[in-house]
Every structure is written in C-alpha cells, then in structure tokens.
Amino acid sequence: MVLVLKGIALAEESSSKWIHSSRFSMPAPSVIRLREYIHIPFERKSLSRKNILLRDHNTCQYCGRVFAPQDLTLDHIVPRSRSGDSTWDNLVASCRWCNNKKGDRSPEEVGMRLLKRPQGYNLHVNRQIIRYLGRADESWRKYLFY
C-alpha cells in the first residue's frame, strides 16, 4: 500500500496496527519514504536509556549476558558519587546483579572488567543502532544500509 502524506512522504509498508481519528481510519505505516529532503545539520543523538541499551545490544557489559531491556540498568563507570558524568563514554548497560556488586566503586576496585569500552556517539554507533532496529521489524530491512 502506498499512501501520500502531505506530498513529501510516502508510506511504503504498513503494520498490523491502525490509526483512528473521529472520521478516518488507516493502517499505521511501518516505513515512510521521503520524497523531498530538507537538510538539517547533524546533531548528536540524544543520550537516553534506550539508546545506550541499543548501543550495547541489551548485553550486560560486565557479565556478557543478554537481557530484556526492562531487566537492565545503566551503570556509571566512574560513579556519580566520584564526579562521574552521564555521558556516552561513562554509561554502560548492566544487569542488576553486576550493578549492585559494583556499587559506587570503579570496576577495577571490584575486580570487574568491561567487555568493551563504551563509545561516544558517532557515525559508527548510529549505524549500529540502525542495524539493531532493523532486526526488530523485518519490513525495515530493505530500507536500511547493512
């Protein structure tokens, strides 16, 4: 199904969900293709729990186990009690057990090692997040760069 939205976008794929208004119902688009592009200068991706979990593939960065997003917490590598900031470079996904074990100490003080050093937001991290989103909805894959 192709639906034109305000002349600048086309709904390429529909999901099983519907959008309803008082006079109109339509299948909710899953993929929208732009017909016209308006350049917006590059901005850093917002620092959010969801984006950190996507970057770390829902994997605890201490024990290496994969969890559902609701079972993970964010851990400050340098604890906030020691002036650690909430930045891309200082936050990692952590399971509750590992986060409690680490507490307000550094990983080295507790004898824990990170699987990988967290990366600040850059083009590589952006592509990694996009690939991860492509796994969530099969209809997006043909539109994403793998």
C-alpha atoms as a PDB file:
ATOM      1  CA  MET A   1       0.000   0.000   0.000  1.00  0.00           C
ATOM      2  CA  VAL A   2       1.289   3.453  -0.873  1.00  0.00           C
ATOM      3  CA  LEU A   3      -0.154   6.452   0.923  1.00  0.00           C
ATOM      4  CA  VAL A   4       0.947  10.049   0.255  1.00  0.00           C
ATOM      5  CA  LEU A   5       1.398  12.143   3.393  1.00  0.00           C
ATOM      6  CA  LYS A   6       1.379  15.920   2.774  1.00  0.00           C
ATOM      7  CA  GLY A   7       3.175  15.463  -0.575  1.00  0.00           C
ATOM      8  CA  ILE A   8       6.643  14.944   0.970  1.00  0.00           C
ATOM      9  CA  ALA A   9       6.461  11.337   2.187  1.00  0.00           C
ATOM     10  CA  LEU A  10       5.096   8.001   1.083  1.00  0.00           C
ATOM     11  CA  ALA A  11       4.012   5.201   3.384  1.00  0.00           C
ATOM     12  CA  GLU A  12       5.829   2.223   1.854  1.00  0.00           C
ATOM     13  CA  GLU A  13       4.942  -0.509   4.332  1.00  0.00           C
ATOM     14  CA  SER A  14       2.011  -0.887   6.707  1.00  0.00           C
ATOM     15  CA  SER A  15       1.930  -2.556  10.082  1.00  0.00           C
ATOM     16  CA  SER A  16      -0.893  -4.583  11.570  1.00  0.00           C
ATOM     17  CA  LYS A  17      -1.891  -1.610  13.741  1.00  0.00           C
ATOM     18  CA  TRP A  18      -4.428   1.024  12.739  1.00  0.00           C
ATOM     19  CA  ILE A  19      -4.606   4.782  13.267  1.00  0.00           C
ATOM     20  CA  HIS A  20      -8.061   6.140  14.050  1.00  0.00           C
ATOM     21  CA  SER A  21      -9.488   9.642  14.098  1.00  0.00           C
ATOM     22  CA  SER A  22     -13.095  10.740  14.515  1.00  0.00           C
ATOM     23  CA  ARG A  23     -13.749  10.454  10.746  1.00  0.00           C
ATOM     24  CA  PHE A  24     -10.965   8.335   9.339  1.00  0.00           C
ATOM     25  CA  SER A  25      -9.105   5.044   9.893  1.00  0.00           C
ATOM     26  CA  MET A  26      -5.994   3.810   8.104  1.00  0.00           C
ATOM     27  CA  PRO A  27      -3.273   1.191   8.571  1.00  0.00           C
ATOM     28  CA  ALA A  28      -0.361   2.621  10.556  1.00  0.00           C
ATOM     29  CA  PRO A  29       2.722   2.992   8.369  1.00  0.00           C
ATOM     30  CA  SER A  30       5.739   0.936   9.377  1.00  0.00           C
ATOM     31  CA  VAL A  31       8.125   2.520   6.847  1.00  0.00           C
ATOM     32  CA  ILE A  32       7.788   6.036   5.469  1.00  0.00           C
ATOM     33  CA  ARG A  33       9.891   7.088   2.456  1.00  0.00           C
ATOM     34  CA  LEU A  34      10.692  10.762   1.965  1.00  0.00           C
ATOM     35  CA  ARG A  35      10.010  12.190  -1.478  1.00  0.00           C
ATOM     36  CA  GLU A  36      11.599  15.516  -0.648  1.00  0.00           C
ATOM     37  CA  TYR A  37      14.625  16.013   1.599  1.00  0.00           C
ATOM     38  CA  ILE A  38      15.188  19.049   3.771  1.00  0.00           C
ATOM     39  CA  HIS A  39      18.774  19.151   5.061  1.00  0.00           C
ATOM     40  CA  ILE A  40      19.038  19.506   8.808  1.00  0.00           C
ATOM     41  CA  PRO A  41      22.558  19.913  10.232  1.00  0.00           C
ATOM     42  CA  PHE A  42      23.909  16.865  12.075  1.00  0.00           C
ATOM     43  CA  GLU A  43      23.056  16.741  15.761  1.00  0.00           C
ATOM     44  CA  ARG A  44      24.359  14.388  18.358  1.00  0.00           C
ATOM     45  CA  LYS A  45      21.961  11.576  19.168  1.00  0.00           C
ATOM     46  CA  SER A  46      20.224  12.223  22.447  1.00  0.00           C
ATOM     47  CA  LEU A  47      21.646  10.408  25.411  1.00  0.00           C
ATOM     48  CA  SER A  48      18.871   8.130  26.631  1.00  0.00           C
ATOM     49  CA  ARG A  49      18.486   4.783  28.318  1.00  0.00           C
ATOM     50  CA  LYS A  50      17.040   3.306  25.133  1.00  0.00           C
ATOM     51  CA  ASN A  51      19.988   4.476  23.005  1.00  0.00           C
ATOM     52  CA  ILE A  52      22.569   3.155  25.490  1.00  0.00           C
ATOM     53  CA  LEU A  53      20.818  -0.245  25.562  1.00  0.00           C
ATOM     54  CA  LEU A  54      20.681  -0.277  21.742  1.00  0.00           C
ATOM     55  CA  ARG A  55      24.382   0.579  21.519  1.00  0.00           C
ATOM     56  CA  ASP A  56      25.227  -2.243  23.943  1.00  0.00           C
ATOM     57  CA  HIS A  57      22.797  -4.742  22.290  1.00  0.00           C
ATOM     58  CA  ASN A  58      20.896  -5.312  25.563  1.00  0.00           C
ATOM     59  CA  THR A  59      24.011  -7.032  26.904  1.00  0.00           C
ATOM     60  CA  CYS A  60      25.407  -6.545  30.394  1.00  0.00           C
ATOM     61  CA  GLN A  61      28.849  -5.061  29.795  1.00  0.00           C
ATOM     62  CA  TYR A  62      30.264  -6.859  32.842  1.00  0.00           C
ATOM     63  CA  CYS A  63      28.984 -10.452  32.687  1.00  0.00           C
ATOM     64  CA  GLY A  64      28.149 -10.564  28.958  1.00  0.00           C
ATOM     65  CA  ARG A  65      24.635 -11.975  29.317  1.00  0.00           C
ATOM     66  CA  VAL A  66      21.782 -10.684  27.140  1.00  0.00           C
ATOM     67  CA  PHE A  67      18.676  -9.442  28.971  1.00  0.00           C
ATOM     68  CA  ALA A  68      15.312  -7.934  28.146  1.00  0.00           C
ATOM     69  CA  PRO A  69      15.524  -4.117  28.291  1.00  0.00           C
ATOM     70  CA  GLN A  70      13.413  -3.946  31.449  1.00  0.00           C
ATOM     71  CA  ASP A  71      15.904  -6.205  33.254  1.00  0.00           C
ATOM     72  CA  LEU A  72      18.900  -3.937  32.583  1.00  0.00           C
ATOM     73  CA  THR A  73      20.073  -0.815  34.350  1.00  0.00           C
ATOM     74  CA  LEU A  74      22.515   1.887  33.334  1.00  0.00           C
ATOM     75  CA  ASP A  75      25.814   1.912  35.193  1.00  0.00           C
ATOM     76  CA  HIS A  76      28.179   4.855  35.508  1.00  0.00           C
ATOM     77  CA  ILE A  77      31.716   3.510  35.035  1.00  0.00           C
ATOM     78  CA  VAL A  78      33.064   6.403  37.092  1.00  0.00           C
ATOM     79  CA  PRO A  79      30.330   6.641  39.748  1.00  0.00           C
ATOM     80  CA  ARG A  80      28.365   9.864  40.087  1.00  0.00           C
ATOM     81  CA  SER A  81      29.488   9.981  43.733  1.00  0.00           C
ATOM     82  CA  ARG A  82      33.016  10.449  42.334  1.00  0.00           C
ATOM     83  CA  SER A  83      32.074  13.155  39.820  1.00  0.00           C
ATOM     84  CA  GLY A  84      31.250  10.753  37.007  1.00  0.00           C
ATOM     85  CA  ASP A  85      29.128  12.354  34.301  1.00  0.00           C
ATOM     86  CA  SER A  86      26.133  10.946  32.479  1.00  0.00           C
ATOM     87  CA  THR A  87      27.787  10.775  29.057  1.00  0.00           C
ATOM     88  CA  TRP A  88      28.033   8.267  26.210  1.00  0.00           C
ATOM     89  CA  ASP A  89      31.575   7.422  27.361  1.00  0.00           C
ATOM     90  CA  ASN A  90      30.657   6.824  31.010  1.00  0.00           C
ATOM     91  CA  LEU A  91      27.385   4.863  30.765  1.00  0.00           C
ATOM     92  CA  VAL A  92      27.006   1.155  30.009  1.00  0.00           C
ATOM     93  CA  ALA A  93      24.206  -1.409  30.172  1.00  0.00           C
ATOM     94  CA  SER A  94      24.432  -3.557  33.265  1.00  0.00           C
ATOM     95  CA  CYS A  95      22.315  -6.283  34.837  1.00  0.00           C
ATOM     96  CA  ARG A  96      21.033  -5.594  38.331  1.00  0.00           C
ATOM     97  CA  TRP A  97      23.329  -8.167  39.923  1.00  0.00           C
ATOM     98  CA  CYS A  98      26.508  -6.702  38.388  1.00  0.00           C
ATOM     99  CA  ASN A  99      25.379  -3.130  39.085  1.00  0.00           C
ATOM    100  CA  ASN A 100      24.774  -3.966  42.771  1.00  0.00           C
ATOM    101  CA  LYS A 101      28.119  -5.786  43.015  1.00  0.00           C
ATOM    102  CA  LYS A 102      29.956  -2.773  41.573  1.00  0.00           C
ATOM    103  CA  GLY A 103      28.075  -0.256  43.713  1.00  0.00           C
ATOM    104  CA  ASP A 104      29.738   3.159  43.900  1.00  0.00           C
ATOM    105  CA  ARG A 105      33.223   1.864  43.126  1.00  0.00           C
ATOM    106  CA  SER A 106      35.181   1.660  39.896  1.00  0.00           C
ATOM    107  CA  PRO A 107      35.210  -1.676  38.030  1.00  0.00           C
ATOM    108  CA  GLU A 108      38.922  -2.121  38.841  1.00  0.00           C
ATOM    109  CA  GLU A 109      38.305  -1.763  42.597  1.00  0.00           C
ATOM    110  CA  VAL A 110      35.788  -4.627  42.495  1.00  0.00           C
ATOM    111  CA  GLY A 111      37.785  -6.804  40.089  1.00  0.00           C
ATOM    112  CA  MET A 112      35.277  -6.455  37.245  1.00  0.00           C
ATOM    113  CA  ARG A 113      36.162  -5.867  33.605  1.00  0.00           C
ATOM    114  CA  LEU A 114      34.109  -4.237  30.871  1.00  0.00           C
ATOM    115  CA  LEU A 115      33.522  -6.344  27.752  1.00  0.00           C
ATOM    116  CA  LYS A 116      34.334  -3.257  25.689  1.00  0.00           C
ATOM    117  CA  ARG A 117      34.948   0.398  26.382  1.00  0.00           C
ATOM    118  CA  PRO A 118      31.806   2.412  25.649  1.00  0.00           C
ATOM    119  CA  GLN A 119      31.920   4.562  22.536  1.00  0.00           C
ATOM    120  CA  GLY A 120      30.703   8.099  22.402  1.00  0.00           C
ATOM    121  CA  TYR A 121      28.026   8.782  19.834  1.00  0.00           C
ATOM    122  CA  ASN A 122      29.450   8.836  16.320  1.00  0.00           C
ATOM    123  CA  LEU A 123      28.509   7.621  12.844  1.00  0.00           C
ATOM    124  CA  HIS A 124      29.546   4.034  13.672  1.00  0.00           C
ATOM    125  CA  VAL A 125      27.331   3.945  16.780  1.00  0.00           C
ATOM    126  CA  ASN A 126      24.465   5.445  14.747  1.00  0.00           C
ATOM    127  CA  ARG A 127      24.754   2.683  12.125  1.00  0.00           C
ATOM    128  CA  GLN A 128      24.955   0.063  14.878  1.00  0.00           C
ATOM    129  CA  ILE A 129      21.694   1.374  16.398  1.00  0.00           C
ATOM    130  CA  ILE A 130      20.006   1.406  12.964  1.00  0.00           C
ATOM    131  CA  ARG A 131      21.065  -2.221  12.318  1.00  0.00           C
ATOM    132  CA  TYR A 132      19.706  -3.245  15.695  1.00  0.00           C
ATOM    133  CA  LEU A 133      16.381  -1.542  14.929  1.00  0.00           C
ATOM    134  CA  GLY A 134      16.264  -3.412  11.600  1.00  0.00           C
ATOM    135  CA  ARG A 135      16.192  -6.691  13.482  1.00  0.00           C
ATOM    136  CA  ALA A 136      13.090  -5.569  15.352  1.00  0.00           C
ATOM    137  CA  ASP A 137      10.902  -5.093  12.251  1.00  0.00           C
ATOM    138  CA  GLU A 138      11.542  -7.251   9.187  1.00  0.00           C
ATOM    139  CA  SER A 139       9.809  -4.762   6.855  1.00  0.00           C
ATOM    140  CA  TRP A 140      12.511  -2.133   7.553  1.00  0.00           C
ATOM    141  CA  ARG A 141      15.471  -4.246   6.421  1.00  0.00           C
ATOM    142  CA  LYS A 142      15.323  -3.477   2.719  1.00  0.00           C
ATOM    143  CA  TYR A 143      15.460   0.259   3.511  1.00  0.00           C
ATOM    144  CA  LEU A 144      18.417   0.149   5.927  1.00  0.00           C
ATOM    145  CA  PHE A 145      22.075   0.059   4.929  1.00  0.00           C
ATOM    146  CA  TYR A 146      23.628  -3.141   6.224  1.00  0.00           C
END
